[in-house]
Amino acid sequence: MNAEYRKYAPGDIPAMKALWADVFGDSREFIDGFFRLLPGAGWGVAALCGGELAAMAYVLSGISVNGNKCAYIYAVATREEFRGLGLGAGAVRKCAELAREEGCAVVCTSPADLPLYGWYGKVLGTAAAAFVSEVRLEAEGLSGPVTAAEAVSYAEYNRLRETLLSGTPHAVFSDGFAAIEEMLCRAYGGGLCKIGGGIAACYVEDGVLCVRELLCRADELRSCAAGLMARFGCASAAVRVAGRAQPLIAAAPAAALPEGFVWGLALD
């Protein structure tokens, strides 16, 4: 099927919002907030068939990887009646093409599940490049000190993050990217926090506190997790930590993210 791929225009937004709600199921508040932030945080690509929106994908910009501009591809979606025609892949390729024209040397994404790492590999030539492990903790089994957590703004979180990761190869995020992370965490019952000498980004899923980034000393992990569970009223937590148990980011070129590279915030 012939399709037109181009950067989104204001007139595309109502259809994009409707497709987002259908595919991802996020609240209207979150979707509206994303599109308010998008002009400062990146842009989108619309795939049009017969003048109507058939698929979409977004690029979040303002990210730096080892001094290189990086484009983060996000929220790829195709209307049900247009699936199987390659339109999502076309939108992703258009995102990468336009991003590279704008000087991005690295293109990356965080696939929603393992099979999609292979799909992005075929579409963009990406490979798994940043990894994490996960620790499951139960509040009932934690003893010892509990570190109190307090909410911080996305700008303060970003500032503290740069201090904590100084000297460690890591992704540097724009405040626009961090603002989307904050909005996502809050939409699902969590937030961005300062805890002890560290920081954490988390949300709640099926009663479990999903700690997507926790930067603290290794010997403070349990006390920080306990504090986060107490703050958000959860009896258990799944905490991402450094490791190689599962891929987090697929990148092209994968070598742009060296061994031990810290990505952290993945908007997943």
Protein backbone atom coordinates (compact mmCIF):
# COMPACT_ATOMS: atom_id res chain seq x y z
CA MET A 1 0.00 0.00 0.00
CA ASN A 2 1.30 3.45 -0.88
CA ALA A 3 1.81 5.64 2.14
CA GLU A 4 3.08 9.14 2.81
CA TYR A 5 5.52 9.55 5.69
CA ARG A 6 6.16 13.00 7.13
CA LYS A 7 6.65 14.90 10.35
CA TYR A 8 3.41 15.41 12.18
CA ALA A 9 1.43 18.62 11.84
CA PRO A 10 -1.04 20.19 14.30
CA GLY A 11 -3.92 18.80 12.28
CA ASP A 12 -2.65 15.24 12.87
CA ILE A 13 -2.79 15.47 16.65
CA PRO A 14 -6.45 14.47 17.25
CA ALA A 15 -6.00 11.27 15.21
CA MET A 16 -2.64 10.59 16.87
CA LYS A 17 -4.18 10.97 20.31
CA ALA A 18 -7.01 8.60 19.39
CA LEU A 19 -4.56 5.99 18.06
CA TRP A 20 -2.40 6.34 21.20
CA ALA A 21 -5.44 5.70 23.44
CA ASP A 22 -6.51 2.67 21.37
CA VAL A 23 -3.07 1.03 21.29
CA PHE A 24 -1.48 1.94 24.63
CA GLY A 25 -4.51 2.58 26.84
CA ASP A 26 -3.02 5.56 28.66
CA SER A 27 -5.26 8.15 30.29
CA ARG A 28 -6.43 11.22 28.42
CA GLU A 29 -4.50 13.34 30.94
CA PHE A 30 -1.23 11.57 30.13
CA ILE A 31 -1.79 11.70 26.37
CA ASP A 32 -2.65 15.40 26.44
CA GLY A 33 0.42 16.04 28.59
CA PHE A 34 2.68 14.16 26.19
CA PHE A 35 1.59 16.27 23.24
CA ARG A 36 2.02 19.45 25.26
CA LEU A 37 5.61 18.46 26.01
CA LEU A 38 6.41 17.00 22.60
CA PRO A 39 7.32 20.17 20.70
CA GLY A 40 10.11 20.83 23.18
CA ALA A 41 11.12 17.20 23.63
CA GLY A 42 11.01 15.91 20.07
CA TRP A 43 8.60 15.28 17.21
CA GLY A 44 6.48 12.61 15.56
CA VAL A 45 6.11 10.95 12.16
CA ALA A 46 2.69 10.30 10.66
CA ALA A 47 2.12 7.53 8.10
CA LEU A 48 -0.84 8.56 5.95
CA CYS A 49 -2.88 6.35 3.64
CA GLY A 50 -5.48 8.10 1.53
CA GLY A 51 -4.97 11.19 3.65
CA GLU A 52 -5.80 9.51 6.96
CA LEU A 53 -3.48 8.51 9.78
CA ALA A 54 -2.56 4.82 9.54
CA ALA A 55 0.53 4.62 11.76
CA MET A 56 2.80 6.82 13.86
CA ALA A 57 6.13 6.91 15.68
CA TYR A 58 7.92 9.53 17.75
CA VAL A 59 11.49 10.72 18.23
CA LEU A 60 12.54 12.13 21.59
CA SER A 61 15.61 14.28 21.12
CA GLY A 62 18.00 16.21 23.33
CA ILE A 63 19.74 13.01 24.43
CA SER A 64 23.51 12.66 24.43
CA VAL A 65 25.44 9.38 24.36
CA ASN A 66 29.20 9.75 24.86
CA GLY A 67 29.02 13.20 23.33
CA ASN A 68 26.94 12.05 20.35
CA LYS A 69 23.41 13.25 19.63
CA CYS A 70 20.96 10.39 20.09
CA ALA A 71 17.39 9.92 18.86
CA TYR A 72 15.07 7.79 21.01
CA ILE A 73 12.22 6.17 19.09
CA TYR A 74 9.03 5.86 21.13
CA ALA A 75 5.35 4.89 20.95
CA VAL A 76 5.22 3.17 17.56
CA ALA A 77 1.62 2.29 16.71
CA THR A 78 -0.49 1.21 13.72
CA ARG A 79 -4.26 1.25 13.38
CA GLU A 80 -5.67 -2.25 13.46
CA GLU A 81 -7.04 -2.20 9.92
CA PHE A 82 -3.63 -1.18 8.54
CA ARG A 83 -1.51 -3.76 10.36
CA GLY A 84 0.65 -6.23 8.48
CA LEU A 85 1.43 -3.76 5.70
CA GLY A 86 4.80 -2.53 6.99
CA LEU A 87 3.53 0.94 7.87
CA GLY A 88 4.93 0.88 11.41
CA ALA A 89 8.33 -0.13 10.04
CA GLY A 90 8.08 2.65 7.47
CA ALA A 91 7.33 5.22 10.17
CA VAL A 92 10.29 4.01 12.25
CA ARG A 93 12.65 4.19 9.26
CA LYS A 94 11.42 7.71 8.51
CA CYS A 95 12.11 8.69 12.11
CA ALA A 96 15.67 7.40 11.83
CA GLU A 97 16.21 9.09 8.45
CA LEU A 98 15.03 12.48 9.70
CA ALA A 99 16.94 12.14 12.97
CA ARG A 100 20.18 11.46 11.13
CA GLU A 101 19.54 14.47 8.89
CA GLU A 102 19.33 16.50 12.10
CA GLY A 103 22.74 15.26 13.22
CA CYS A 104 21.89 12.26 15.41
CA ALA A 105 24.74 9.75 15.25
CA VAL A 106 22.89 7.17 17.37
CA VAL A 107 19.33 5.85 17.06
CA CYS A 108 17.89 3.78 19.88
CA THR A 109 14.71 2.48 21.48
CA SER A 110 13.50 0.31 24.35
CA PRO A 111 11.44 -2.51 22.79
CA ALA A 112 8.37 -3.55 24.75
CA ASP A 113 9.25 -7.27 24.70
CA LEU A 114 12.06 -9.57 23.62
CA PRO A 115 10.77 -10.46 20.11
CA LEU A 116 10.75 -6.76 19.22
CA TYR A 117 14.53 -6.56 19.62
CA GLY A 118 14.72 -8.74 16.51
CA TRP A 119 12.10 -6.63 14.70
CA TYR A 120 14.00 -3.42 15.36
CA GLY A 121 17.18 -5.18 14.31
CA LYS A 122 15.65 -5.88 10.90
CA VAL A 123 14.07 -2.44 10.53
CA LEU A 124 16.90 -0.25 11.86
CA GLY A 125 19.94 -2.47 12.22
CA THR A 126 19.90 -2.08 16.01
CA ALA A 127 21.24 -4.56 18.54
CA ALA A 128 20.86 -4.86 22.30
CA ALA A 129 23.32 -2.38 23.76
CA ALA A 130 22.38 -1.55 27.37
CA PHE A 131 21.37 -4.15 29.93
CA VAL A 132 19.90 -4.39 33.43
CA SER A 133 19.06 -6.95 36.09
CA GLU A 134 16.13 -6.90 38.49
CA VAL A 135 15.85 -7.56 42.22
CA ARG A 136 12.48 -8.49 43.73
CA LEU A 137 12.01 -7.36 47.33
CA GLU A 138 9.16 -7.83 49.79
CA ALA A 139 8.54 -5.22 52.48
CA GLU A 140 7.70 -8.00 54.96
CA GLY A 141 11.16 -9.51 54.54
CA LEU A 142 13.10 -6.27 54.90
CA SER A 143 14.58 -5.46 58.28
CA GLY A 144 16.82 -2.63 59.35
CA PRO A 145 16.66 1.06 58.48
CA VAL A 146 14.10 2.61 56.16
CA THR A 147 15.26 5.64 54.18
CA ALA A 148 12.60 8.30 53.69
CA ALA A 149 11.80 9.29 50.10
CA GLU A 150 10.67 12.75 48.99
CA ALA A 151 9.34 13.94 45.65
CA VAL A 152 11.56 16.05 43.40
CA SER A 153 10.87 17.86 40.15
CA TYR A 154 12.15 16.46 36.87
CA ALA A 155 14.68 19.30 36.62
CA GLU A 156 16.07 18.59 40.09
CA TYR A 157 16.11 14.85 39.34
CA ASN A 158 18.08 15.48 36.15
CA ARG A 159 20.56 17.70 38.01
CA LEU A 160 21.10 15.15 40.77
CA ARG A 161 21.39 12.36 38.22
CA GLU A 162 24.25 14.08 36.44
CA THR A 163 26.09 14.50 39.74
CA LEU A 164 25.59 10.87 40.76
CA LEU A 165 26.68 9.51 37.37
CA SER A 166 29.68 11.79 36.92
CA GLY A 167 32.57 9.70 35.61
CA THR A 168 30.27 6.82 34.53
CA PRO A 169 29.33 6.36 30.85
CA HIS A 170 25.63 7.18 30.74
CA ALA A 171 22.81 8.69 28.71
CA VAL A 172 22.37 12.42 29.34
CA PHE A 173 18.72 13.41 29.08
CA SER A 174 17.12 16.73 28.26
CA ASP A 175 14.72 18.19 30.81
CA GLY A 176 11.95 17.49 28.27
CA PHE A 177 12.73 13.77 28.35
CA ALA A 178 12.86 13.80 32.16
CA ALA A 179 9.52 15.66 32.24
CA ILE A 180 7.90 12.87 30.22
CA GLU A 181 9.37 10.29 32.61
CA GLU A 182 7.99 12.22 35.59
CA MET A 183 4.54 12.44 33.99
CA LEU A 184 4.58 8.71 33.17
CA CYS A 185 5.57 7.74 36.71
CA ARG A 186 2.91 9.98 38.25
CA ALA A 187 0.23 8.69 35.87
CA TYR A 188 0.80 5.22 37.29
CA GLY A 189 0.91 6.05 40.98
CA GLY A 190 4.62 6.78 41.41
CA GLY A 191 7.02 9.63 40.79
CA LEU A 192 10.57 10.90 40.83
CA CYS A 193 12.17 10.88 44.28
CA LYS A 194 15.23 11.89 46.22
CA ILE A 195 16.10 9.19 48.74
CA GLY A 196 19.10 9.38 51.04
CA GLY A 197 22.03 10.35 48.87
CA GLY A 198 20.38 8.91 45.76
CA ILE A 199 17.40 9.22 43.43
CA ALA A 200 14.69 6.91 42.11
CA ALA A 201 12.08 6.82 39.33
CA CYS A 202 9.19 4.44 39.92
CA TYR A 203 5.54 3.63 39.29
CA VAL A 204 3.00 1.04 40.47
CA GLU A 205 1.85 -1.91 38.35
CA ASP A 206 -0.53 -4.54 39.72
CA GLY A 207 0.36 -3.51 43.24
CA VAL A 208 4.11 -3.87 42.69
CA LEU A 209 6.39 -0.85 42.86
CA CYS A 210 8.41 -0.89 39.62
CA VAL A 211 11.63 0.99 40.35
CA ARG A 212 12.91 1.78 36.88
CA GLU A 213 15.98 3.65 38.07
CA LEU A 214 17.57 3.66 41.51
CA LEU A 215 20.91 5.40 41.89
CA CYS A 216 22.27 4.84 45.38
CA ARG A 217 25.12 3.07 47.16
CA ALA A 218 24.89 -0.72 46.93
CA ASP A 219 24.65 -1.03 50.72
CA GLU A 220 21.67 1.35 50.76
CA LEU A 221 19.58 -0.50 48.15
CA ARG A 222 17.38 -2.36 50.64
CA SER A 223 16.77 0.65 52.90
CA CYS A 224 15.99 2.84 49.88
CA ALA A 225 13.63 0.22 48.45
CA ALA A 226 11.88 0.01 51.82
CA GLY A 227 11.46 3.77 51.88
CA LEU A 228 10.04 3.82 48.38
CA MET A 229 7.59 1.03 49.16
CA ALA A 230 6.46 2.91 52.25
CA ARG A 231 5.98 6.14 50.34
CA PHE A 232 3.89 4.57 47.58
CA GLY A 233 2.05 2.02 49.72
CA CYS A 234 3.40 -1.15 48.12
CA ALA A 235 4.26 -4.44 49.81
CA SER A 236 6.72 -5.52 47.11
CA ALA A 237 9.08 -3.93 44.63
CA ALA A 238 10.87 -4.88 41.43
CA VAL A 239 14.08 -2.85 41.39
CA ARG A 240 16.27 -2.49 38.32
CA VAL A 241 19.96 -2.69 39.13
CA ALA A 242 23.20 -2.92 37.19
CA GLY A 243 23.61 -6.26 35.42
CA ARG A 244 23.11 -8.15 32.20
CA ALA A 245 20.07 -10.33 32.89
CA GLN A 246 17.91 -8.59 30.31
CA PRO A 247 18.36 -6.07 27.50
CA LEU A 248 16.94 -2.59 28.00
CA ILE A 249 18.06 -0.51 25.01
CA ALA A 250 18.57 -1.46 21.37
CA ALA A 251 20.87 0.92 19.52
CA ALA A 252 22.42 1.55 16.13
CA PRO A 253 25.34 1.46 16.24
CA ALA A 254 25.35 -0.76 19.33
CA ALA A 255 29.03 0.05 19.91
CA ALA A 256 28.01 3.61 20.82
CA LEU A 257 26.97 2.23 24.23
CA PRO A 258 30.07 0.60 25.76
CA GLU A 259 30.11 -2.20 28.34
CA GLY A 260 28.63 -1.01 31.62
CA PHE A 261 26.81 1.91 30.00
CA VAL A 262 23.99 3.27 32.20
CA TRP A 263 20.77 4.18 30.40
CA GLY A 264 18.27 4.23 33.24
CA LEU A 265 15.13 6.13 32.20
CA ALA A 266 13.49 4.23 29.35
CA LEU A 267 9.87 5.45 29.49
CA ASP A 268 8.71 1.82 29.66
